[in-house]
Amino acid sequence: MERILVIGSSGQIGTELVETLRTKYGNENVIASDIREPQVQQTGPFETLDILNKEQLLTIVNKHNVKEVYLLAALLSATAEKNPEFGWDLNMNSLFNILNLAKDGVIDKIFWPSSIAVFGPTTPKQNTPQYTIMEPSTVYGISKQAGERWCEYYHEKYGVDVRSIRYPGLIGYKSLPGGGTTDYAVDIFHQALKSKSYECFLSEHTTLPMMYMEDAINATINIMQAKKENIKIRSSYNIAGMSFNPTEITTEIQNVIPDFKISYNPDYRQNIADSWPQSINDQEAQEHWNWQPQYNLSRLVNTMLQNLEQMLLKEN
């Protein structure tokens, strides 16, 4: 049986992606892997993997007859700014290790996520198109932009079947924030339920593209299931969910928790957020592989609060 390997399975995306893939393909056919032991009980195989260790990677791929890889391991925007050299090393060499496995015919198909961080302060902020100016101003954004070019290069030069989407800010309840600039939109729900107050590290009118995790997981699996001839962009696809700022999400939370309060204390992440788009045009993803999000802001807020409240009740 050919199997799927998810690298970075303990992160915000990986946690939910593994769960969904195992439901779809069977627990034993999806291998979870991360550099650290998982915090949640596994329903299928798990391997400890340092993605920068090529020999260890090849051993795991051969052991499980892996033919499809989802490469999620990365140092995110805010974290990478604190350690630029390691951020570049991890984000780039992890990709090379996987692309070269495909180039050598060891694996057949790759998913690698890019990000809205590839855009920069000179990019049009409203309805940002698929093809536009890219001058990223963060280590994370620079590594993702370079990664997009390498993905397209390996496809054109070696026929590697690599597929990618540019994630906006992702919001989910099954794992804690992982060091991104959009993390306030996850933490705000935890604090709303625990203390009914939140100090935001971005200013009140900072509008950013966001997406509920279920939509992001569906987009990830859908692009991998699409026919090869329908994937016409091999750098990375724009995808959009919704756009909002801290004031707007606060208003929605207050519809459920009326006495919730927010304050603002912008830090270094404000400069990162200011360099990113406010809304995304994803026409190509819609046309090429039928991408459509299911969540708007109101549905996202209600879903997050309901699920987190249930989790808190179980903990207590």
C-alpha atoms as a PDB file:
ATOM      1  CA  MET A   1       0.000   0.000   0.000  1.00  0.00           C
ATOM      2  CA  GLU A   2       1.371   3.427  -0.949  1.00  0.00           C
ATOM      3  CA  ARG A   3       1.234   5.782   2.007  1.00  0.00           C
ATOM      4  CA  ILE A   4       1.142   9.497   2.881  1.00  0.00           C
ATOM      5  CA  LEU A   5       3.725  11.244   5.080  1.00  0.00           C
ATOM      6  CA  VAL A   6       2.861  14.477   6.912  1.00  0.00           C
ATOM      7  CA  ILE A   7       5.994  16.329   8.077  1.00  0.00           C
ATOM      8  CA  GLY A   8       5.372  18.848  10.859  1.00  0.00           C
ATOM      9  CA  SER A   9       2.315  16.925  12.051  1.00  0.00           C
ATOM     10  CA  SER A  10       2.253  18.446  15.551  1.00  0.00           C
ATOM     11  CA  GLY A  11       1.759  22.018  14.340  1.00  0.00           C
ATOM     12  CA  GLN A  12      -1.427  24.017  13.919  1.00  0.00           C
ATOM     13  CA  ILE A  13      -2.136  22.749  10.396  1.00  0.00           C
ATOM     14  CA  GLY A  14      -0.574  19.307  10.765  1.00  0.00           C
ATOM     15  CA  THR A  15      -2.713  18.334  13.755  1.00  0.00           C
ATOM     16  CA  GLU A  16      -5.937  18.744  11.804  1.00  0.00           C
ATOM     17  CA  LEU A  17      -4.593  17.611   8.445  1.00  0.00           C
ATOM     18  CA  VAL A  18      -3.453  14.240   9.828  1.00  0.00           C
ATOM     19  CA  GLU A  19      -6.832  13.699  11.462  1.00  0.00           C
ATOM     20  CA  THR A  20      -8.707  14.461   8.224  1.00  0.00           C
ATOM     21  CA  LEU A  21      -6.387  12.396   6.019  1.00  0.00           C
ATOM     22  CA  ARG A  22      -6.667   9.401   8.362  1.00  0.00           C
ATOM     23  CA  THR A  23     -10.450   9.605   8.268  1.00  0.00           C
ATOM     24  CA  LYS A  24     -10.256   9.676   4.467  1.00  0.00           C
ATOM     25  CA  TYR A  25      -7.539   7.106   3.758  1.00  0.00           C
ATOM     26  CA  GLY A  26      -7.320   4.986   6.919  1.00  0.00           C
ATOM     27  CA  ASN A  27      -5.240   5.452  10.072  1.00  0.00           C
ATOM     28  CA  GLU A  28      -2.437   3.114   9.015  1.00  0.00           C
ATOM     29  CA  ASN A  29      -1.960   4.810   5.631  1.00  0.00           C
ATOM     30  CA  VAL A  30      -1.060   8.262   6.978  1.00  0.00           C
ATOM     31  CA  ILE A  31       2.314   8.577   8.721  1.00  0.00           C
ATOM     32  CA  ALA A  32       2.571  11.543  11.082  1.00  0.00           C
ATOM     33  CA  SER A  33       6.060  12.926  11.755  1.00  0.00           C
ATOM     34  CA  ASP A  34       7.588  15.782  13.696  1.00  0.00           C
ATOM     35  CA  ILE A  35      10.861  16.693  15.378  1.00  0.00           C
ATOM     36  CA  ARG A  36       9.103  16.416  18.756  1.00  0.00           C
ATOM     37  CA  GLU A  37       6.835  13.777  20.246  1.00  0.00           C
ATOM     38  CA  PRO A  38       3.106  14.476  19.713  1.00  0.00           C
ATOM     39  CA  GLN A  39       1.083  15.977  22.550  1.00  0.00           C
ATOM     40  CA  VAL A  40      -2.089  14.174  21.486  1.00  0.00           C
ATOM     41  CA  GLN A  41      -2.604  10.424  21.305  1.00  0.00           C
ATOM     42  CA  GLN A  42      -2.003   9.083  17.802  1.00  0.00           C
ATOM     43  CA  THR A  43      -4.530   6.927  15.955  1.00  0.00           C
ATOM     44  CA  GLY A  44      -1.893   5.833  13.422  1.00  0.00           C
ATOM     45  CA  PRO A  45       1.873   5.572  12.882  1.00  0.00           C
ATOM     46  CA  PHE A  46       4.152   8.345  14.158  1.00  0.00           C
ATOM     47  CA  GLU A  47       7.845   8.861  13.390  1.00  0.00           C
ATOM     48  CA  THR A  48      10.222  11.316  15.044  1.00  0.00           C
ATOM     49  CA  LEU A  49      11.884  13.145  12.156  1.00  0.00           C
ATOM     50  CA  ASP A  50      14.363  15.981  11.786  1.00  0.00           C
ATOM     51  CA  ILE A  51      13.492  17.065   8.238  1.00  0.00           C
ATOM     52  CA  LEU A  52      17.022  18.460   7.773  1.00  0.00           C
ATOM     53  CA  ASN A  53      18.409  14.909   8.214  1.00  0.00           C
ATOM     54  CA  LYS A  54      18.247  13.486   4.673  1.00  0.00           C
ATOM     55  CA  GLU A  55      19.225   9.945   5.694  1.00  0.00           C
ATOM     56  CA  GLN A  56      16.580   9.785   8.418  1.00  0.00           C
ATOM     57  CA  LEU A  57      13.962  11.109   5.975  1.00  0.00           C
ATOM     58  CA  LEU A  58      14.811   8.511   3.323  1.00  0.00           C
ATOM     59  CA  THR A  59      14.719   5.703   5.895  1.00  0.00           C
ATOM     60  CA  ILE A  60      11.184   6.668   6.968  1.00  0.00           C
ATOM     61  CA  VAL A  61       9.983   7.090   3.366  1.00  0.00           C
ATOM     62  CA  ASN A  62      11.301   3.637   2.399  1.00  0.00           C
ATOM     63  CA  LYS A  63      10.098   1.956   5.603  1.00  0.00           C
ATOM     64  CA  HIS A  64       6.487   3.034   5.017  1.00  0.00           C
ATOM     65  CA  ASN A  65       6.478   3.017   1.187  1.00  0.00           C
ATOM     66  CA  VAL A  66       5.591   6.726   1.175  1.00  0.00           C
ATOM     67  CA  LYS A  67       4.584   8.151  -2.220  1.00  0.00           C
ATOM     68  CA  GLU A  68       2.874  11.396  -1.185  1.00  0.00           C
ATOM     69  CA  VAL A  69       4.328  14.039   1.162  1.00  0.00           C
ATOM     70  CA  TYR A  70       2.760  17.045   2.868  1.00  0.00           C
ATOM     71  CA  LEU A  71       5.675  19.232   4.005  1.00  0.00           C
ATOM     72  CA  LEU A  72       4.422  21.533   6.770  1.00  0.00           C
ATOM     73  CA  ALA A  73       7.617  21.941   8.820  1.00  0.00           C
ATOM     74  CA  ALA A  74       8.605  25.632   8.937  1.00  0.00           C
ATOM     75  CA  LEU A  75       9.648  28.450  11.202  1.00  0.00           C
ATOM     76  CA  LEU A  76       6.768  30.935  11.016  1.00  0.00           C
ATOM     77  CA  SER A  77       6.882  34.709  10.514  1.00  0.00           C
ATOM     78  CA  ALA A  78       7.326  36.098  14.024  1.00  0.00           C
ATOM     79  CA  THR A  79       9.548  33.227  15.222  1.00  0.00           C
ATOM     80  CA  ALA A  80      11.828  33.347  12.170  1.00  0.00           C
ATOM     81  CA  GLU A  81      12.515  37.065  12.750  1.00  0.00           C
ATOM     82  CA  LYS A  82      14.163  36.107  16.041  1.00  0.00           C
ATOM     83  CA  ASN A  83      16.413  33.525  14.385  1.00  0.00           C
ATOM     84  CA  PRO A  84      16.782  34.447  10.694  1.00  0.00           C
ATOM     85  CA  GLU A  85      19.583  32.065   9.777  1.00  0.00           C
ATOM     86  CA  PHE A  86      17.840  29.004  11.186  1.00  0.00           C
ATOM     87  CA  GLY A  87      14.519  30.157   9.707  1.00  0.00           C
ATOM     88  CA  TRP A  88      16.083  30.242   6.237  1.00  0.00           C
ATOM     89  CA  ASP A  89      17.877  26.925   6.757  1.00  0.00           C
ATOM     90  CA  LEU A  90      14.796  25.049   7.949  1.00  0.00           C
ATOM     91  CA  ASN A  91      12.343  26.554   5.477  1.00  0.00           C
ATOM     92  CA  MET A  92      14.568  26.109   2.408  1.00  0.00           C
ATOM     93  CA  ASN A  93      16.519  22.907   3.014  1.00  0.00           C
ATOM     94  CA  SER A  94      13.458  20.984   4.160  1.00  0.00           C
ATOM     95  CA  LEU A  95      11.916  21.804   0.769  1.00  0.00           C
ATOM     96  CA  PHE A  96      15.048  20.794  -1.148  1.00  0.00           C
ATOM     97  CA  ASN A  97      15.148  17.451   0.682  1.00  0.00           C
ATOM     98  CA  ILE A  98      11.584  16.651  -0.419  1.00  0.00           C
ATOM     99  CA  LEU A  99      11.892  18.047  -3.968  1.00  0.00           C
ATOM    100  CA  ASN A 100      15.010  15.928  -4.512  1.00  0.00           C
ATOM    101  CA  LEU A 101      13.215  12.761  -3.388  1.00  0.00           C
ATOM    102  CA  ALA A 102      10.594  13.454  -6.066  1.00  0.00           C
ATOM    103  CA  LYS A 103      13.234  14.345  -8.665  1.00  0.00           C
ATOM    104  CA  ASP A 104      14.899  10.971  -7.978  1.00  0.00           C
ATOM    105  CA  GLY A 105      11.584   9.115  -8.368  1.00  0.00           C
ATOM    106  CA  VAL A 106      11.333   8.047  -4.715  1.00  0.00           C
ATOM    107  CA  ILE A 107       8.028   9.879  -4.131  1.00  0.00           C
ATOM    108  CA  ASP A 108       5.297  10.887  -6.597  1.00  0.00           C
ATOM    109  CA  LYS A 109       3.532  13.972  -5.259  1.00  0.00           C
ATOM    110  CA  ILE A 110       4.279  16.877  -2.891  1.00  0.00           C
ATOM    111  CA  PHE A 111       2.206  19.462  -1.068  1.00  0.00           C
ATOM    112  CA  TRP A 112       4.194  22.458   0.174  1.00  0.00           C
ATOM    113  CA  PRO A 113       2.441  25.529   1.633  1.00  0.00           C
ATOM    114  CA  SER A 114       3.364  29.066   0.764  1.00  0.00           C
ATOM    115  CA  SER A 115       1.879  32.110   2.488  1.00  0.00           C
ATOM    116  CA  ILE A 116       0.592  35.650   2.068  1.00  0.00           C
ATOM    117  CA  ALA A 117       4.005  36.542   3.575  1.00  0.00           C
ATOM    118  CA  VAL A 118       5.440  36.335   0.027  1.00  0.00           C
ATOM    119  CA  PHE A 119       3.817  39.717  -0.572  1.00  0.00           C
ATOM    120  CA  GLY A 120       5.387  42.892   0.753  1.00  0.00           C
ATOM    121  CA  PRO A 121       4.799  46.595   1.371  1.00  0.00           C
ATOM    122  CA  THR A 122       4.858  47.383  -2.377  1.00  0.00           C
ATOM    123  CA  THR A 123       2.217  44.746  -3.210  1.00  0.00           C
ATOM    124  CA  PRO A 124      -1.328  46.045  -3.914  1.00  0.00           C
ATOM    125  CA  LYS A 125      -3.127  45.579  -0.591  1.00  0.00           C
ATOM    126  CA  GLN A 126      -6.713  45.247  -1.827  1.00  0.00           C
ATOM    127  CA  ASN A 127      -7.815  42.221  -3.845  1.00  0.00           C
ATOM    128  CA  THR A 128      -4.175  41.184  -4.260  1.00  0.00           C
ATOM    129  CA  PRO A 129      -3.896  39.321  -7.582  1.00  0.00           C
ATOM    130  CA  GLN A 130      -2.200  35.996  -8.274  1.00  0.00           C
ATOM    131  CA  TYR A 131       0.546  37.680 -10.277  1.00  0.00           C
ATOM    132  CA  THR A 132       1.821  40.892  -8.728  1.00  0.00           C
ATOM    133  CA  ILE A 133       4.810  42.664  -7.171  1.00  0.00           C
ATOM    134  CA  MET A 134       6.478  40.575  -4.461  1.00  0.00           C
ATOM    135  CA  GLU A 135       9.057  42.196  -2.212  1.00  0.00           C
ATOM    136  CA  PRO A 136       8.690  40.323   1.104  1.00  0.00           C
ATOM    137  CA  SER A 137      10.258  42.013   4.123  1.00  0.00           C
ATOM    138  CA  THR A 138      10.505  39.031   6.504  1.00  0.00           C
ATOM    139  CA  VAL A 139      12.735  35.942   6.584  1.00  0.00           C
ATOM    140  CA  TYR A 140       9.620  33.787   6.417  1.00  0.00           C
ATOM    141  CA  GLY A 141       8.275  35.652   3.389  1.00  0.00           C
ATOM    142  CA  ILE A 142      11.648  35.605   1.608  1.00  0.00           C
ATOM    143  CA  SER A 143      11.973  31.847   2.156  1.00  0.00           C
ATOM    144  CA  LYS A 144       8.420  31.218   0.939  1.00  0.00           C
ATOM    145  CA  GLN A 145       8.928  33.345  -2.176  1.00  0.00           C
ATOM    146  CA  ALA A 146      12.178  31.510  -2.948  1.00  0.00           C
ATOM    147  CA  GLY A 147      10.384  28.210  -2.292  1.00  0.00           C
ATOM    148  CA  GLU A 148       7.699  29.074  -4.824  1.00  0.00           C
ATOM    149  CA  ARG A 149      10.353  29.660  -7.476  1.00  0.00           C
ATOM    150  CA  TRP A 150      12.073  26.367  -6.666  1.00  0.00           C
ATOM    151  CA  CYS A 151       8.778  24.449  -6.817  1.00  0.00           C
ATOM    152  CA  GLU A 152       8.078  25.799 -10.276  1.00  0.00           C
ATOM    153  CA  TYR A 153      11.678  25.142 -11.333  1.00  0.00           C
ATOM    154  CA  TYR A 154      11.568  21.491 -10.221  1.00  0.00           C
ATOM    155  CA  HIS A 155       8.238  21.025 -12.012  1.00  0.00           C
ATOM    156  CA  GLU A 156       9.469  22.580 -15.249  1.00  0.00           C
ATOM    157  CA  LYS A 157      12.962  21.045 -15.188  1.00  0.00           C
ATOM    158  CA  TYR A 158      12.327  17.597 -13.676  1.00  0.00           C
ATOM    159  CA  GLY A 159       8.549  17.075 -13.943  1.00  0.00           C
ATOM    160  CA  VAL A 160       8.058  17.053 -10.168  1.00  0.00           C
ATOM    161  CA  ASP A 161       4.356  17.043  -9.227  1.00  0.00           C
ATOM    162  CA  VAL A 162       4.444  19.703  -6.509  1.00  0.00           C
ATOM    163  CA  ARG A 163       1.336  21.650  -5.498  1.00  0.00           C
ATOM    164  CA  SER A 164       1.018  24.702  -3.275  1.00  0.00           C
ATOM    165  CA  ILE A 165      -1.361  27.289  -1.868  1.00  0.00           C
ATOM    166  CA  ARG A 166      -0.603  30.607  -0.191  1.00  0.00           C
ATOM    167  CA  TYR A 167      -2.198  30.280   3.228  1.00  0.00           C
ATOM    168  CA  PRO A 168      -3.685  33.403   4.788  1.00  0.00           C
ATOM    169  CA  GLY A 169      -3.900  33.622   8.592  1.00  0.00           C
ATOM    170  CA  LEU A 170      -5.347  30.317   9.851  1.00  0.00           C
ATOM    171  CA  ILE A 171      -7.749  29.982  12.762  1.00  0.00           C
ATOM    172  CA  GLY A 172      -8.559  26.715  14.505  1.00  0.00           C
ATOM    173  CA  TYR A 173      -9.344  25.384  17.971  1.00  0.00           C
ATOM    174  CA  LYS A 174      -7.511  22.021  17.998  1.00  0.00           C
ATOM    175  CA  SER A 175      -4.004  23.383  18.603  1.00  0.00           C
ATOM    176  CA  LEU A 176      -2.363  26.462  20.072  1.00  0.00           C
ATOM    177  CA  PRO A 177      -0.831  29.281  17.976  1.00  0.00           C
ATOM    178  CA  GLY A 178       2.550  28.465  16.435  1.00  0.00           C
ATOM    179  CA  GLY A 179       4.389  31.810  16.249  1.00  0.00           C
ATOM    180  CA  GLY A 180       2.671  33.615  13.402  1.00  0.00           C
ATOM    181  CA  THR A 181       1.716  37.277  13.018  1.00  0.00           C
ATOM    182  CA  THR A 182      -1.982  36.386  12.659  1.00  0.00           C
ATOM    183  CA  ASP A 183      -1.978  34.367  15.902  1.00  0.00           C
ATOM    184  CA  TYR A 184      -4.020  37.022  17.733  1.00  0.00           C
ATOM    185  CA  ALA A 185      -7.077  35.714  15.875  1.00  0.00           C
ATOM    186  CA  VAL A 186      -6.652  32.352  17.611  1.00  0.00           C
ATOM    187  CA  ASP A 187      -5.563  33.538  21.061  1.00  0.00           C
ATOM    188  CA  ILE A 188      -8.395  36.072  21.279  1.00  0.00           C
ATOM    189  CA  PHE A 189     -10.942  33.225  21.572  1.00  0.00           C
ATOM    190  CA  HIS A 190      -9.034  31.501  24.374  1.00  0.00           C
ATOM    191  CA  GLN A 191      -8.819  34.743  26.337  1.00  0.00           C
ATOM    192  CA  ALA A 192     -12.450  35.668  25.660  1.00  0.00           C
ATOM    193  CA  LEU A 193     -13.557  32.468  27.386  1.00  0.00           C
ATOM    194  CA  LYS A 194     -10.937  32.424  30.150  1.00  0.00           C
ATOM    195  CA  SER A 195     -10.720  36.086  31.226  1.00  0.00           C
ATOM    196  CA  LYS A 196     -13.159  38.010  28.990  1.00  0.00           C
ATOM    197  CA  SER A 197     -10.335  40.369  28.067  1.00  0.00           C
ATOM    198  CA  TYR A 198      -7.497  40.377  25.549  1.00  0.00           C
ATOM    199  CA  GLU A 199      -4.494  42.604  24.861  1.00  0.00           C
ATOM    200  CA  CYS A 200      -3.872  42.580  21.112  1.00  0.00           C
ATOM    201  CA  PHE A 201      -0.354  42.897  19.666  1.00  0.00           C
ATOM    202  CA  LEU A 202      -1.760  44.457  16.464  1.00  0.00           C
ATOM    203  CA  SER A 203      -3.582  47.792  16.157  1.00  0.00           C
ATOM    204  CA  GLU A 204      -7.367  47.871  15.970  1.00  0.00           C
ATOM    205  CA  HIS A 205      -7.673  48.601  12.231  1.00  0.00           C
ATOM    206  CA  THR A 206      -5.119  46.029  10.998  1.00  0.00           C
ATOM    207  CA  THR A 207      -7.104  44.156   8.348  1.00  0.00           C
ATOM    208  CA  LEU A 208      -5.631  40.833   7.220  1.00  0.00           C
ATOM    209  CA  PRO A 209      -6.799  37.853   5.133  1.00  0.00           C
ATOM    210  CA  MET A 210      -7.909  34.969   7.353  1.00  0.00           C
ATOM    211  CA  MET A 211      -9.353  31.486   6.980  1.00  0.00           C
ATOM    212  CA  TYR A 212     -10.990  28.931   9.244  1.00  0.00           C
ATOM    213  CA  MET A 213      -8.876  25.799   9.561  1.00  0.00           C
ATOM    214  CA  GLU A 214     -11.495  23.469   8.096  1.00  0.00           C
ATOM    215  CA  ASP A 215     -11.487  25.516   4.883  1.00  0.00           C
ATOM    216  CA  ALA A 216      -7.670  25.438   4.779  1.00  0.00           C
ATOM    217  CA  ILE A 217      -7.586  21.650   5.242  1.00  0.00           C
ATOM    218  CA  ASN A 218     -10.198  21.186   2.521  1.00  0.00           C
ATOM    219  CA  ALA A 219      -8.218  23.418   0.142  1.00  0.00           C
ATOM    220  CA  THR A 220      -5.043  21.447   0.899  1.00  0.00           C
ATOM    221  CA  ILE A 221      -6.628  18.056   0.206  1.00  0.00           C
ATOM    222  CA  ASN A 222      -8.636  19.309  -2.784  1.00  0.00           C
ATOM    223  CA  ILE A 223      -5.589  20.633  -4.629  1.00  0.00           C
ATOM    224  CA  MET A 224      -3.804  17.322  -4.027  1.00  0.00           C
ATOM    225  CA  GLN A 225      -6.791  15.373  -5.369  1.00  0.00           C
ATOM    226  CA  ALA A 226      -7.212  17.568  -8.456  1.00  0.00           C
ATOM    227  CA  LYS A 227      -6.236  16.150 -11.835  1.00  0.00           C
ATOM    228  CA  LYS A 228      -2.660  16.985 -12.750  1.00  0.00           C
ATOM    229  CA  GLU A 229      -3.721  18.876 -15.861  1.00  0.00           C
ATOM    230  CA  ASN A 230      -5.944  21.192 -13.768  1.00  0.00           C
ATOM    231  CA  ILE A 231      -2.971  22.460 -11.729  1.00  0.00           C
ATOM    232  CA  LYS A 232      -1.786  25.201 -14.026  1.00  0.00           C
ATOM    233  CA  ILE A 233       0.216  27.173 -11.432  1.00  0.00           C
ATOM    234  CA  ARG A 234       3.202  25.369  -9.944  1.00  0.00           C
ATOM    235  CA  SER A 235       4.547  28.224  -7.829  1.00  0.00           C
ATOM    236  CA  SER A 236       1.592  28.662  -5.444  1.00  0.00           C
ATOM    237  CA  TYR A 237      -2.106  29.540  -5.661  1.00  0.00           C
ATOM    238  CA  ASN A 238      -3.790  32.484  -3.950  1.00  0.00           C
ATOM    239  CA  ILE A 239      -6.714  31.328  -1.811  1.00  0.00           C
ATOM    240  CA  ALA A 240      -9.077  33.573   0.149  1.00  0.00           C
ATOM    241  CA  GLY A 241     -11.505  33.060   2.992  1.00  0.00           C
ATOM    242  CA  MET A 242     -12.395  36.334   4.712  1.00  0.00           C
ATOM    243  CA  SER A 243     -10.696  39.560   5.793  1.00  0.00           C
ATOM    244  CA  PHE A 244     -11.198  41.344   9.119  1.00  0.00           C
ATOM    245  CA  ASN A 245      -9.421  43.471  11.736  1.00  0.00           C
ATOM    246  CA  PRO A 246      -9.303  43.124  15.552  1.00  0.00           C
ATOM    247  CA  THR A 247     -12.237  45.539  15.986  1.00  0.00           C
ATOM    248  CA  GLU A 248     -14.476  43.493  13.690  1.00  0.00           C
ATOM    249  CA  ILE A 249     -13.688  40.141  15.289  1.00  0.00           C
ATOM    250  CA  THR A 250     -14.197  41.704  18.733  1.00  0.00           C
ATOM    251  CA  THR A 251     -17.672  42.916  17.724  1.00  0.00           C
ATOM    252  CA  GLU A 252     -18.580  39.399  16.597  1.00  0.00           C
ATOM    253  CA  ILE A 253     -17.291  37.887  19.861  1.00  0.00           C
ATOM    254  CA  GLN A 254     -19.271  40.462  21.848  1.00  0.00           C
ATOM    255  CA  ASN A 255     -22.450  39.225  20.150  1.00  0.00           C
ATOM    256  CA  VAL A 256     -21.857  35.997  22.089  1.00  0.00           C
ATOM    257  CA  ILE A 257     -19.906  37.320  25.129  1.00  0.00           C
ATOM    258  CA  PRO A 258     -21.228  40.884  25.663  1.00  0.00           C
ATOM    259  CA  ASP A 259     -18.762  41.821  28.427  1.00  0.00           C
ATOM    260  CA  PHE A 260     -15.656  40.834  26.452  1.00  0.00           C
ATOM    261  CA  LYS A 261     -13.101  43.685  26.293  1.00  0.00           C
ATOM    262  CA  ILE A 262     -10.061  44.254  24.075  1.00  0.00           C
ATOM    263  CA  SER A 263      -7.060  46.572  24.469  1.00  0.00           C
ATOM    264  CA  TYR A 264      -4.185  47.271  22.081  1.00  0.00           C
ATOM    265  CA  ASN A 265      -0.429  47.190  22.572  1.00  0.00           C
ATOM    266  CA  PRO A 266       1.184  46.784  19.108  1.00  0.00           C
ATOM    267  CA  ASP A 267       4.645  45.174  19.071  1.00  0.00           C
ATOM    268  CA  TYR A 268       7.194  44.214  16.363  1.00  0.00           C
ATOM    269  CA  ARG A 269       4.547  42.072  14.643  1.00  0.00           C
ATOM    270  CA  GLN A 270       2.685  45.239  13.633  1.00  0.00           C
ATOM    271  CA  ASN A 271       5.358  46.044  11.028  1.00  0.00           C
ATOM    272  CA  ILE A 272       5.046  42.540   9.602  1.00  0.00           C
ATOM    273  CA  ALA A 273       1.251  42.792   9.389  1.00  0.00           C
ATOM    274  CA  ASP A 274       1.462  46.235   7.756  1.00  0.00           C
ATOM    275  CA  SER A 275       3.529  44.742   4.916  1.00  0.00           C
ATOM    276  CA  TRP A 276       0.886  42.126   4.054  1.00  0.00           C
ATOM    277  CA  PRO A 277      -2.262  42.344   1.882  1.00  0.00           C
ATOM    278  CA  GLN A 278      -5.685  43.119   3.314  1.00  0.00           C
ATOM    279  CA  SER A 279      -7.674  40.992   0.871  1.00  0.00           C
ATOM    280  CA  ILE A 280      -6.828  38.325  -1.712  1.00  0.00           C
ATOM    281  CA  ASN A 281      -8.053  37.596  -5.236  1.00  0.00           C
ATOM    282  CA  ASP A 282      -8.214  33.824  -5.733  1.00  0.00           C
ATOM    283  CA  GLN A 283      -9.905  33.662  -9.127  1.00  0.00           C
ATOM    284  CA  GLU A 284      -7.357  31.170 -10.520  1.00  0.00           C
ATOM    285  CA  ALA A 285      -7.883  28.662  -7.695  1.00  0.00           C
ATOM    286  CA  GLN A 286     -11.649  28.915  -8.168  1.00  0.00           C
ATOM    287  CA  GLU A 287     -11.388  28.353 -11.917  1.00  0.00           C
ATOM    288  CA  HIS A 288      -8.651  25.697 -12.035  1.00  0.00           C
ATOM    289  CA  TRP A 289      -9.681  23.348  -9.204  1.00  0.00           C
ATOM    290  CA  ASN A 290     -13.038  24.686  -7.967  1.00  0.00           C
ATOM    291  CA  TRP A 291     -11.873  26.274  -4.705  1.00  0.00           C
ATOM    292  CA  GLN A 292     -14.684  27.716  -2.548  1.00  0.00           C
ATOM    293  CA  PRO A 293     -14.530  28.582   1.210  1.00  0.00           C
ATOM    294  CA  GLN A 294     -17.433  27.658   3.479  1.00  0.00           C
ATOM    295  CA  TYR A 295     -16.871  29.970   6.480  1.00  0.00           C
ATOM    296  CA  ASN A 296     -17.507  33.701   6.933  1.00  0.00           C
ATOM    297  CA  LEU A 297     -16.557  35.675  10.070  1.00  0.00           C
ATOM    298  CA  SER A 298     -19.831  35.103  11.923  1.00  0.00           C
ATOM    299  CA  ARG A 299     -19.753  31.334  11.388  1.00  0.00           C
ATOM    300  CA  LEU A 300     -16.067  31.193  12.314  1.00  0.00           C
ATOM    301  CA  VAL A 301     -16.613  33.032  15.623  1.00  0.00           C
ATOM    302  CA  ASN A 302     -19.569  30.872  16.664  1.00  0.00           C
ATOM    303  CA  THR A 303     -17.743  27.654  15.748  1.00  0.00           C
ATOM    304  CA  MET A 304     -14.564  28.631  17.602  1.00  0.00           C
ATOM    305  CA  LEU A 305     -16.354  29.696  20.796  1.00  0.00           C
ATOM    306  CA  GLN A 306     -18.591  26.622  20.898  1.00  0.00           C
ATOM    307  CA  ASN A 307     -15.727  24.168  20.435  1.00  0.00           C
ATOM    308  CA  LEU A 308     -13.305  25.896  22.797  1.00  0.00           C
ATOM    309  CA  GLU A 309     -15.985  26.127  25.476  1.00  0.00           C
ATOM    310  CA  GLN A 310     -16.552  22.379  25.218  1.00  0.00           C
ATOM    311  CA  MET A 311     -12.816  21.746  25.489  1.00  0.00           C
ATOM    312  CA  LEU A 312     -12.559  23.952  28.602  1.00  0.00           C
ATOM    313  CA  LEU A 313     -15.461  22.119  30.222  1.00  0.00           C
ATOM    314  CA  LYS A 314     -13.714  18.775  29.631  1.00  0.00           C
ATOM    315  CA  GLU A 315     -10.463  20.121  31.129  1.00  0.00           C
ATOM    316  CA  ASN A 316     -12.302  21.247  34.254  1.00  0.00           C
END
